Protein backbone atom coordinates (compact mmCIF):
# COMPACT_ATOMS: atom_id res chain seq x y z
CA MET A 1 -23.88 59.68 -32.05
CA SER A 2 -20.73 60.72 -34.45
CA PRO A 3 -18.59 57.88 -36.00
CA THR A 4 -15.59 58.69 -33.64
CA PRO A 5 -17.33 57.78 -30.56
CA ILE A 6 -18.52 54.54 -32.12
CA LEU A 7 -14.99 53.66 -33.13
CA LEU A 8 -13.80 54.20 -29.69
CA LEU A 9 -16.67 52.01 -28.09
CA LEU A 10 -15.72 49.44 -30.35
CA LEU A 11 -12.18 49.52 -29.64
CA VAL A 12 -12.95 49.61 -25.89
CA LEU A 13 -15.13 46.53 -26.26
CA PHE A 14 -12.40 44.68 -28.23
CA LEU A 15 -9.74 45.42 -25.74
CA SER A 16 -12.05 44.40 -22.72
CA PHE A 17 -12.70 41.24 -24.67
CA PHE A 18 -9.00 40.51 -25.28
CA PHE A 19 -8.05 41.20 -21.75
CA SER A 20 -10.64 38.85 -20.43
CA LEU A 21 -9.20 36.01 -22.57
CA ILE A 22 -5.76 36.77 -21.08
CA VAL A 23 -7.04 36.77 -17.59
CA SER A 24 -9.01 33.54 -18.25
CA GLU A 25 -6.01 31.84 -19.38
CA GLN A 26 -3.98 32.93 -16.50
CA ASN A 27 -6.53 31.77 -14.10
CA GLY A 28 -6.73 28.32 -15.61
CA GLU A 29 -10.12 28.67 -17.03
CA PHE A 30 -9.08 27.40 -20.35
CA GLU A 31 -7.83 24.34 -18.59
CA THR A 32 -11.38 24.05 -16.93
CA LEU A 33 -12.91 24.26 -20.42
CA ASN A 34 -10.69 21.42 -21.68
CA THR A 35 -11.72 19.19 -18.83
CA LYS A 36 -15.24 18.86 -20.85
CA PHE A 37 -13.23 16.49 -22.82
CA ASN A 38 -13.18 13.60 -20.15
CA PRO A 39 -9.81 12.41 -19.89
CA LYS A 40 -11.08 8.90 -19.07
CA LEU A 41 -12.85 8.46 -22.42
CA PRO A 42 -10.71 8.38 -25.76
CA LEU A 43 -10.97 11.58 -27.79
CA PRO A 44 -11.92 11.54 -31.20
CA PRO A 45 -9.04 11.25 -33.82
CA LEU A 46 -7.83 14.35 -35.39
CA LYS A 47 -8.15 14.14 -39.17
CA THR A 48 -5.06 16.27 -39.57
CA LEU A 49 -2.73 13.74 -38.16
CA SER A 50 -3.53 10.89 -40.54
CA SER A 51 -6.50 9.11 -41.91
CA SER A 52 -5.07 6.05 -40.54
CA LYS A 53 -7.23 4.70 -37.89
CA ARG A 54 -4.14 4.03 -35.68
CA TYR A 55 -4.52 7.31 -33.92
CA GLU A 56 -7.45 6.69 -31.86
CA GLY A 57 -7.74 8.94 -28.99
CA SER A 58 -4.98 11.38 -30.35
CA SER A 59 -5.31 15.20 -29.51
CA ASP A 60 -3.41 18.15 -28.97
CA LEU A 61 -5.41 18.55 -25.85
CA VAL A 62 -3.55 15.71 -24.24
CA LYS A 63 -0.32 16.90 -22.42
CA LEU A 64 1.18 13.81 -20.94
CA LYS A 65 4.45 15.11 -19.21
CA TYR A 66 7.31 13.50 -17.62
CA HIS A 67 8.07 14.78 -14.09
CA MET A 68 11.49 13.39 -13.57
CA GLY A 69 10.77 10.38 -11.28
CA PRO A 70 11.74 6.72 -11.83
CA VAL A 71 9.97 4.10 -14.03
CA LEU A 72 10.45 0.46 -13.57
CA SER A 73 13.41 -0.25 -15.84
CA SER A 74 14.93 -2.99 -14.10
CA PRO A 75 13.41 -6.65 -14.78
CA ILE A 76 9.97 -6.52 -13.13
CA ASN A 77 9.13 -8.76 -10.29
CA ILE A 78 5.51 -9.22 -9.36
CA TYR A 79 4.41 -10.34 -6.07
CA LEU A 80 0.98 -11.72 -5.96
CA ILE A 81 -1.28 -11.36 -2.95
CA TRP A 82 -4.32 -13.43 -3.24
CA TYR A 83 -6.82 -12.03 -0.71
CA GLY A 84 -9.97 -14.12 0.06
CA ASN A 85 -11.20 -17.34 -1.52
CA TRP A 86 -9.60 -17.78 -4.93
CA PRO A 87 -10.46 -20.95 -7.09
CA LYS A 88 -7.29 -22.42 -8.51
CA PRO A 89 -8.71 -21.96 -12.22
CA HIS A 90 -9.28 -18.34 -11.66
CA LYS A 91 -5.71 -17.95 -10.25
CA SER A 92 -4.37 -19.82 -13.25
CA LEU A 93 -6.03 -17.52 -15.64
CA ILE A 94 -4.58 -14.33 -14.05
CA LYS A 95 -1.21 -15.91 -13.97
CA ASP A 96 -1.18 -17.09 -17.58
CA PHE A 97 -1.83 -13.33 -18.43
CA LEU A 98 1.10 -12.08 -16.39
CA ASN A 99 3.35 -14.77 -17.76
CA SER A 100 2.44 -13.73 -21.21
CA ILE A 101 3.70 -10.27 -21.01
CA SER A 102 7.39 -11.23 -21.72
CA ASP A 103 6.72 -14.24 -23.97
CA THR A 104 7.55 -13.31 -27.43
CA THR A 105 6.86 -16.68 -28.84
CA VAL A 106 3.01 -16.12 -28.64
CA PRO A 107 1.39 -15.42 -31.96
CA HIS A 108 0.48 -11.91 -32.96
CA PRO A 109 -1.09 -9.90 -31.66
CA SER A 110 0.11 -10.79 -28.36
CA VAL A 111 0.11 -9.59 -24.75
CA SER A 112 3.95 -9.06 -25.22
CA ASP A 113 3.16 -6.89 -28.32
CA TRP A 114 0.62 -4.84 -26.00
CA TRP A 115 3.41 -4.40 -23.52
CA ARG A 116 5.88 -2.95 -26.04
CA THR A 117 4.01 0.23 -26.02
CA VAL A 118 4.38 0.48 -22.35
CA THR A 119 8.26 -0.03 -22.57
CA LEU A 120 8.59 3.08 -24.78
CA TYR A 121 8.56 5.27 -21.52
CA THR A 122 11.90 6.16 -20.03
CA ASP A 123 13.41 7.83 -17.13
CA GLN A 124 15.67 10.68 -17.07
CA THR A 125 18.71 8.48 -17.73
CA GLY A 126 16.93 7.24 -20.98
CA ALA A 127 16.48 3.90 -19.33
CA ASN A 128 13.20 2.06 -20.81
CA ILE A 129 10.48 0.37 -18.75
CA SER A 130 11.70 -3.29 -18.64
CA LYS A 131 10.34 -5.83 -21.29
CA THR A 132 11.05 -8.62 -18.57
CA VAL A 133 8.02 -9.11 -16.24
CA SER A 134 7.78 -12.45 -14.01
CA ILE A 135 5.84 -13.65 -11.02
CA ALA A 136 8.36 -13.72 -8.18
CA GLY A 137 6.25 -14.94 -5.42
CA GLU A 138 2.77 -15.48 -4.21
CA TYR A 139 0.95 -15.37 -0.88
CA SER A 140 -2.65 -16.35 -0.09
CA ASP A 141 -4.66 -14.70 2.68
CA TYR A 142 -7.56 -17.33 2.72
CA ARG A 143 -8.70 -16.07 6.21
CA TYR A 144 -9.75 -12.52 5.19
CA SER A 145 -7.38 -11.44 7.85
CA LEU A 146 -8.61 -7.76 7.65
CA GLY A 147 -12.14 -8.66 6.90
CA LYS A 148 -14.20 -8.44 3.87
CA ARG A 149 -14.61 -4.58 3.88
CA LEU A 150 -11.02 -2.88 2.84
CA THR A 151 -10.07 0.61 2.39
CA ARG A 152 -7.08 2.24 0.47
CA LEU A 153 -5.11 2.41 3.71
CA SER A 154 -6.02 -1.12 4.85
CA ILE A 155 -4.62 -2.73 1.63
CA GLN A 156 -1.24 -1.44 2.90
CA ASP A 157 -1.73 -3.64 5.84
CA VAL A 158 -2.64 -6.66 3.63
CA ILE A 159 0.68 -6.02 1.99
CA ALA A 160 2.44 -5.40 5.56
CA THR A 161 1.43 -9.05 6.73
CA ALA A 162 2.47 -10.62 3.35
CA VAL A 163 6.10 -8.92 3.84
CA ARG A 164 6.19 -9.70 7.57
CA SER A 165 5.30 -13.49 7.19
CA LYS A 166 8.36 -13.49 4.92
CA PRO A 167 7.07 -15.34 1.91
CA PHE A 168 8.27 -12.11 0.12
CA PRO A 169 11.57 -10.32 0.07
CA VAL A 170 11.47 -6.40 0.35
CA ASP A 171 11.99 -5.68 -3.10
CA HIS A 172 12.65 -2.01 -3.56
CA ARG A 173 14.23 -1.95 -6.92
CA LYS A 174 12.27 -4.31 -8.90
CA GLY A 175 9.12 -5.21 -6.97
CA ILE A 176 5.53 -4.81 -7.65
CA TYR A 177 3.02 -5.92 -5.00
CA LEU A 178 -0.15 -6.93 -6.62
CA VAL A 179 -3.08 -7.15 -4.26
CA LEU A 180 -6.09 -9.20 -5.91
CA THR A 181 -9.23 -9.33 -3.91
CA ALA A 182 -11.91 -12.21 -4.29
CA ASP A 183 -15.51 -11.45 -5.33
CA ASP A 184 -16.99 -11.31 -1.77
CA VAL A 185 -14.53 -8.41 -0.74
CA THR A 186 -15.43 -4.63 -0.97
CA MET A 187 -13.56 -1.76 -1.28
CA ASP A 188 -13.98 2.06 -0.59
CA GLU A 189 -15.59 3.52 -3.73
CA TYR A 190 -15.36 0.19 -5.53
CA CYS A 191 -17.65 0.06 -8.47
CA ARG A 192 -18.50 3.70 -8.00
CA ALA A 193 -15.25 5.37 -8.77
CA VAL A 194 -12.48 2.71 -8.99
CA CYS A 195 -12.17 -0.86 -10.42
CA GLY A 196 -8.46 -0.70 -9.38
CA PHE A 197 -5.73 1.60 -8.32
CA HIS A 198 -1.91 1.82 -7.55
CA TYR A 199 0.30 3.73 -5.33
CA PHE A 200 3.22 3.19 -3.03
CA THR A 201 3.36 1.93 0.65
CA PHE A 202 3.99 4.10 3.55
CA PRO A 203 6.94 3.15 5.83
CA SER A 204 4.80 3.79 8.81
CA LYS A 205 2.43 1.06 7.46
CA VAL A 206 4.70 -1.45 6.02
CA GLY A 207 8.15 -0.31 6.89
CA TYR A 208 9.20 0.39 3.46
CA THR A 209 8.11 2.33 0.43
CA LEU A 210 7.10 -0.19 -2.15
CA PRO A 211 4.99 0.15 -5.42
CA TYR A 212 1.79 -1.63 -5.43
CA ALA A 213 -1.62 -2.15 -6.96
CA TRP A 214 -5.08 -3.35 -6.03
CA VAL A 215 -7.60 -4.76 -8.30
CA GLY A 216 -10.90 -6.40 -7.11
CA ASN A 217 -13.04 -9.28 -8.70
CA SER A 218 -16.30 -7.35 -9.85
CA GLY A 219 -18.13 -10.59 -10.92
CA THR A 220 -20.82 -10.52 -8.35
CA GLN A 221 -20.68 -7.00 -7.44
CA CYS A 222 -20.58 -4.63 -10.41
CA PRO A 223 -19.65 -6.52 -13.55
CA GLU A 224 -21.37 -3.87 -15.71
CA VAL A 225 -18.92 -1.35 -14.46
CA CYS A 226 -15.81 -2.97 -13.77
CA ALA A 227 -16.04 -5.90 -16.16
CA TYR A 228 -17.42 -3.91 -19.25
CA PRO A 229 -17.94 -4.99 -22.17
CA PHE A 230 -18.68 -8.45 -20.87
CA ALA A 231 -21.52 -6.96 -18.95
CA VAL A 232 -23.36 -3.69 -19.63
CA PRO A 233 -25.31 -1.29 -17.44
CA SER A 234 -29.18 -1.59 -17.45
CA TYR A 235 -29.60 1.76 -19.11
CA MET A 236 -27.80 0.40 -22.13
CA ALA A 237 -30.05 -2.62 -22.49
CA GLY A 238 -31.41 -2.85 -26.11
CA GLY A 239 -28.95 -0.16 -27.42
CA GLY A 240 -25.49 -0.41 -28.83
CA PRO A 241 -23.62 -3.93 -29.48
CA GLY A 242 -24.65 -5.37 -26.08
CA LYS A 243 -22.36 -7.37 -23.85
CA LEU A 244 -19.60 -9.47 -25.40
CA SER A 245 -18.74 -13.04 -24.56
CA PRO A 246 -15.48 -13.13 -22.31
CA PRO A 247 -12.69 -14.83 -23.84
CA ASN A 248 -12.15 -17.19 -21.06
CA GLY A 249 -15.84 -17.65 -20.07
CA ASN A 250 -15.65 -15.78 -16.94
CA VAL A 251 -16.96 -12.34 -16.76
CA GLY A 252 -15.29 -11.21 -13.48
CA VAL A 253 -11.86 -12.65 -14.04
CA ASP A 254 -11.62 -11.81 -17.67
CA GLY A 255 -12.81 -8.35 -16.83
CA MET A 256 -10.08 -8.26 -14.04
CA VAL A 257 -7.35 -8.95 -16.57
CA SER A 258 -7.99 -5.72 -18.27
CA VAL A 259 -8.04 -3.92 -15.20
CA ILE A 260 -4.63 -5.57 -14.03
CA ALA A 261 -3.25 -4.65 -17.46
CA HIS A 262 -4.29 -1.12 -16.93
CA GLU A 263 -2.71 -0.72 -13.51
CA LEU A 264 0.45 -2.54 -14.41
CA ALA A 265 1.08 -0.25 -17.37
CA GLU A 266 0.54 2.83 -15.08
CA LEU A 267 2.50 1.58 -12.03
CA SER A 268 5.35 0.85 -14.34
CA SER A 269 5.46 4.30 -15.92
CA ASN A 270 4.55 6.32 -12.68
CA PRO A 271 5.51 3.98 -9.70
CA LEU A 272 6.03 6.97 -7.09
CA VAL A 273 3.43 9.24 -8.80
CA ASN A 274 6.24 11.68 -9.91
CA ALA A 275 6.98 10.18 -13.44
CA TRP A 276 4.56 9.91 -16.52
CA TYR A 277 1.15 11.60 -16.14
CA ALA A 278 -0.94 14.41 -17.68
CA GLY A 279 -2.23 17.20 -15.51
CA GLU A 280 -0.75 19.40 -12.96
CA ASP A 281 -2.11 17.59 -9.77
CA PRO A 282 -0.14 14.57 -8.78
CA THR A 283 -2.85 13.43 -6.30
CA ALA A 284 -5.18 13.05 -9.21
CA PRO A 285 -2.96 12.18 -12.30
CA THR A 286 -4.24 11.12 -15.56
CA GLU A 287 -1.92 8.31 -16.76
CA ILE A 288 -1.21 6.17 -19.69
CA GLY A 289 -4.23 3.86 -19.15
CA ASP A 290 -6.54 6.53 -18.03
CA LEU A 291 -6.30 8.37 -21.38
CA CYS A 292 -7.44 5.06 -23.19
CA GLU A 293 -10.23 3.87 -20.88
CA GLY A 294 -12.63 1.88 -22.69
CA LEU A 295 -10.63 1.74 -25.91
CA TYR A 296 -9.70 -2.00 -27.26
CA GLY A 297 -9.31 -1.67 -31.15
CA THR A 298 -9.25 0.35 -34.11
CA GLY A 299 -12.12 2.92 -34.81
CA GLY A 300 -12.95 3.01 -31.05
CA GLY A 301 -14.18 6.00 -29.06
CA GLY A 302 -17.45 7.73 -27.99
CA GLY A 303 -18.53 4.50 -26.26
CA TYR A 304 -17.50 2.01 -29.00
CA ILE A 305 -14.59 -0.37 -27.87
CA GLY A 306 -13.27 -0.47 -31.50
CA GLU A 307 -12.47 -3.50 -33.76
CA VAL A 308 -11.98 -6.79 -31.74
CA MET A 309 -11.67 -10.39 -32.75
CA LYS A 310 -14.04 -13.32 -31.99
CA ASP A 311 -13.14 -17.09 -31.91
CA LYS A 312 -15.25 -19.78 -33.38
CA SER A 313 -17.40 -19.95 -30.47
CA GLY A 314 -18.11 -16.04 -30.60
CA LYS A 315 -15.65 -15.13 -27.53
CA THR A 316 -14.08 -11.68 -27.81
CA PHE A 317 -10.44 -11.02 -27.53
CA ASN A 318 -7.85 -8.76 -28.86
CA VAL A 319 -4.50 -10.32 -27.75
CA ASN A 320 -3.07 -13.97 -27.68
CA GLY A 321 -1.20 -15.27 -24.39
CA ILE A 322 0.45 -18.37 -23.41
CA ARG A 323 -1.18 -21.83 -23.38
CA ASP A 324 -3.56 -20.68 -26.23
CA LYS A 325 -5.19 -18.22 -23.82
CA LYS A 326 -6.88 -15.17 -25.39
CA PHE A 327 -7.43 -11.84 -23.45
CA LEU A 328 -9.25 -8.51 -24.03
CA VAL A 329 -7.04 -5.86 -22.70
CA GLN A 330 -7.39 -1.96 -23.31
CA TRP A 331 -5.01 0.12 -25.37
CA VAL A 332 -2.56 2.46 -23.73
CA TRP A 333 -1.25 5.83 -24.54
CA SER A 334 1.69 5.84 -26.71
CA ASN A 335 4.09 8.83 -26.32
CA VAL A 336 5.65 8.27 -29.66
CA LEU A 337 2.39 8.29 -31.83
CA ASN A 338 0.88 10.82 -29.20
CA ALA A 339 -2.31 8.46 -29.33
CA CYS A 340 -3.69 5.30 -27.90
CA ALA A 341 -2.03 2.12 -29.41
CA GLY A 342 -2.67 -1.57 -29.52
CA PRO A 343 -1.06 -4.56 -31.26
CA ASN A 344 -4.47 -5.40 -32.97
CA ALA A 345 -4.65 -2.07 -34.74
CA VAL A 346 -5.87 -2.01 -38.15
CA ASP A 347 -4.14 0.46 -40.61
CA LEU A 348 -6.55 1.19 -43.26
CA ASN A 349 -4.19 3.28 -45.43
């Protein structure tokens, strides 16, 4: 074969390859390739950003976008719904965490320091998520009025019951309705796919559109999934750092605190599922908590939670709260650093 046909053949092959790349990009195949990087796990830091360990999870692959919806920019009122049998010490621990969010007198690193990253997010008017978060009311459903097996839809019935019994106002502008279920209550996909979730109520169910979140107590059901790293899966036995000691001595409730933190951060930045999230599908958004799943300190990633602190008794924490409480909460995505961030970060520069 003469040189000319060979050159022509090479040219045809090159053009064919180039054209296939264009088609792949148009068809979203590049996006599919990118999903090999699980958005629920922190990505390794890019060395080109900085050698500082602040940049855990940072990546040019993360495309967090603002979709023009509202954020919770007014002082945030949390309406707590305790579903099932809740011992008073467990309630008190969760309320101490929530009341720590706005308390700036707590020693650093504090829960309010952690929330500061959340407040960096704004709406289209430039209004930031509120620094002020408070418990505005409580309602207890001791009788398990909808049974011990709930669904995503029946959670809205739980909220409707609380609203109709009138311990709560209908707080459209400032309200978050937080449903917390006891450790003997099951939820569809609980332990398998979710430890908590947030959404908004349907007028047909509740009469109003209200932002809400649900978090379950996994203490007796799946602590190795929803209270990690205070419990670890059996397949990890004998490998890795092992389970850590919970800061307040309760695997289920201490694990719950981090999930509550995760959901509050996402609910505040994406209350109607049309504000801050990555991806193009609003029915399955990747939000500011999802991007930092499993990351609690400097150097984290790849299954390692990062550098955290221990008290004299060996209990693990990364933030301080009111009444000398300590908590371990996961980091959240910073739209300023374009990376996961937490108040206990160690800058090695």
